[in-house]
Amino acid sequence: MMVALRLNRQGTKDRPFYKIVAVDSRARRDGRYIEQLGSYNPMLEGTNFTIDLAKVDAWIGNGAQPSDTVRDIIKKARKAALEA
């Protein structure tokens, strides 16, 4: 089973909200997921995400592949953690 770290869409029409999840790569976009790692709200200005970097590191260490958007969010979270 290949595990992917990707976004799971929530919210309503024109008001998207995403969960950052670890999921079987064959599963549909909004299907069941293994574990929630954080959230992303593109409607907010400034810092619009929360993510548990310890869980992300554990999943990546076990071979999970992040999507492009999740990879960018992880980079921003690491940068913010270093500045804090």
C-alpha atoms as a PDB file:
ATOM      1  CA  MET A   1       0.000   0.000   0.000  1.00  0.00           C
ATOM      2  CA  MET A   2       1.417   3.359  -1.068  1.00  0.00           C
ATOM      3  CA  VAL A   3       0.596   6.142   1.384  1.00  0.00           C
ATOM      4  CA  ALA A   4       0.164   9.721   0.195  1.00  0.00           C
ATOM      5  CA  LEU A   5      -0.057  12.952   2.157  1.00  0.00           C
ATOM      6  CA  ARG A   6      -2.692  15.062   0.446  1.00  0.00           C
ATOM      7  CA  LEU A   7      -5.631  17.410   0.872  1.00  0.00           C
ATOM      8  CA  ASN A   8      -9.148  16.212   1.690  1.00  0.00           C
ATOM      9  CA  ARG A   9     -11.727  18.837   0.687  1.00  0.00           C
ATOM     10  CA  GLN A  10     -14.318  19.951   3.212  1.00  0.00           C
ATOM     11  CA  GLY A  11     -16.532  23.022   3.407  1.00  0.00           C
ATOM     12  CA  THR A  12     -19.211  24.239   1.028  1.00  0.00           C
ATOM     13  CA  LYS A  13     -19.431  25.571  -2.499  1.00  0.00           C
ATOM     14  CA  ASP A  14     -17.190  28.643  -2.876  1.00  0.00           C
ATOM     15  CA  ARG A  15     -15.960  28.230   0.753  1.00  0.00           C
ATOM     16  CA  PRO A  16     -13.308  25.492   0.600  1.00  0.00           C
ATOM     17  CA  PHE A  17     -11.544  24.116   3.661  1.00  0.00           C
ATOM     18  CA  TYR A  18      -9.057  21.234   3.519  1.00  0.00           C
ATOM     19  CA  LYS A  19      -7.779  18.608   5.927  1.00  0.00           C
ATOM     20  CA  ILE A  20      -4.188  17.461   5.424  1.00  0.00           C
ATOM     21  CA  VAL A  21      -4.363  13.670   5.660  1.00  0.00           C
ATOM     22  CA  ALA A  22      -2.372  10.474   5.243  1.00  0.00           C
ATOM     23  CA  VAL A  23      -4.323   8.247   2.855  1.00  0.00           C
ATOM     24  CA  ASP A  24      -3.949   5.155   0.684  1.00  0.00           C
ATOM     25  CA  SER A  25      -2.925   6.584  -2.696  1.00  0.00           C
ATOM     26  CA  ARG A  26      -5.620   4.534  -4.462  1.00  0.00           C
ATOM     27  CA  ALA A  27      -8.435   6.048  -2.385  1.00  0.00           C
ATOM     28  CA  ARG A  28     -10.645   8.789  -3.797  1.00  0.00           C
ATOM     29  CA  ARG A  29      -9.982  12.406  -2.905  1.00  0.00           C
ATOM     30  CA  ASP A  30     -12.600  12.751  -0.165  1.00  0.00           C
ATOM     31  CA  GLY A  31     -12.708   9.119   0.904  1.00  0.00           C
ATOM     32  CA  ARG A  32     -11.527   7.486   4.115  1.00  0.00           C
ATOM     33  CA  TYR A  33      -8.152   8.495   5.424  1.00  0.00           C
ATOM     34  CA  ILE A  34      -5.688   6.886   7.812  1.00  0.00           C
ATOM     35  CA  GLU A  35      -4.788   9.918   9.938  1.00  0.00           C
ATOM     36  CA  GLN A  36      -5.393  13.660   9.943  1.00  0.00           C
ATOM     37  CA  LEU A  37      -2.158  15.659  10.106  1.00  0.00           C
ATOM     38  CA  GLY A  38      -3.452  19.220   9.918  1.00  0.00           C
ATOM     39  CA  SER A  39      -5.709  21.648   8.098  1.00  0.00           C
ATOM     40  CA  TYR A  40      -5.515  24.319   5.388  1.00  0.00           C
ATOM     41  CA  ASN A  41      -7.954  27.189   4.863  1.00  0.00           C
ATOM     42  CA  PRO A  42      -7.216  29.100   1.621  1.00  0.00           C
ATOM     43  CA  MET A  43      -9.880  31.704   2.492  1.00  0.00           C
ATOM     44  CA  LEU A  44      -7.759  33.185   5.317  1.00  0.00           C
ATOM     45  CA  GLU A  45      -4.973  35.721   4.902  1.00  0.00           C
ATOM     46  CA  GLY A  46      -1.542  35.194   6.468  1.00  0.00           C
ATOM     47  CA  THR A  47      -0.921  31.866   8.188  1.00  0.00           C
ATOM     48  CA  ASN A  48      -3.784  29.755   6.895  1.00  0.00           C
ATOM     49  CA  PHE A  49      -2.636  26.270   7.886  1.00  0.00           C
ATOM     50  CA  THR A  50      -1.915  24.082  10.897  1.00  0.00           C
ATOM     51  CA  ILE A  51       0.191  20.947  10.657  1.00  0.00           C
ATOM     52  CA  ASP A  52       1.795  18.465  13.060  1.00  0.00           C
ATOM     53  CA  LEU A  53       5.376  18.243  11.785  1.00  0.00           C
ATOM     54  CA  ALA A  54       6.224  15.290  14.046  1.00  0.00           C
ATOM     55  CA  LYS A  55       3.487  13.176  12.459  1.00  0.00           C
ATOM     56  CA  VAL A  56       4.489  14.366   8.974  1.00  0.00           C
ATOM     57  CA  ASP A  57       8.106  13.370   9.610  1.00  0.00           C
ATOM     58  CA  ALA A  58       6.996   9.949  10.827  1.00  0.00           C
ATOM     59  CA  TRP A  59       4.896   9.339   7.699  1.00  0.00           C
ATOM     60  CA  ILE A  60       7.603  10.570   5.326  1.00  0.00           C
ATOM     61  CA  GLY A  61      10.117   8.409   7.191  1.00  0.00           C
ATOM     62  CA  ASN A  62       7.877   5.402   6.479  1.00  0.00           C
ATOM     63  CA  GLY A  63       7.750   6.211   2.752  1.00  0.00           C
ATOM     64  CA  ALA A  64       4.687   8.437   2.347  1.00  0.00           C
ATOM     65  CA  GLN A  65       4.760  10.817  -0.623  1.00  0.00           C
ATOM     66  CA  PRO A  66       3.331  14.335  -0.135  1.00  0.00           C
ATOM     67  CA  SER A  67       1.399  16.028  -2.937  1.00  0.00           C
ATOM     68  CA  ASP A  68       2.836  19.245  -4.388  1.00  0.00           C
ATOM     69  CA  THR A  69       0.548  21.494  -2.336  1.00  0.00           C
ATOM     70  CA  VAL A  70       1.172  19.584   0.892  1.00  0.00           C
ATOM     71  CA  ARG A  71       4.926  19.697   0.221  1.00  0.00           C
ATOM     72  CA  ASP A  72       4.722  23.505  -0.041  1.00  0.00           C
ATOM     73  CA  ILE A  73       2.714  23.733   3.193  1.00  0.00           C
ATOM     74  CA  ILE A  74       5.307  21.567   4.970  1.00  0.00           C
ATOM     75  CA  LYS A  75       8.099  23.862   3.750  1.00  0.00           C
ATOM     76  CA  LYS A  76       6.234  26.939   5.027  1.00  0.00           C
ATOM     77  CA  ALA A  77       5.581  25.248   8.387  1.00  0.00           C
ATOM     78  CA  ARG A  78       9.253  24.325   8.813  1.00  0.00           C
ATOM     79  CA  LYS A  79      10.296  27.886   7.978  1.00  0.00           C
ATOM     80  CA  ALA A  80       7.790  29.295  10.487  1.00  0.00           C
ATOM     81  CA  ALA A  81       9.019  26.843  13.149  1.00  0.00           C
ATOM     82  CA  LEU A  82      12.621  27.968  12.653  1.00  0.00           C
ATOM     83  CA  GLU A  83      11.684  31.635  12.955  1.00  0.00           C
ATOM     84  CA  ALA A  84       9.724  31.083  16.169  1.00  0.00           C
END
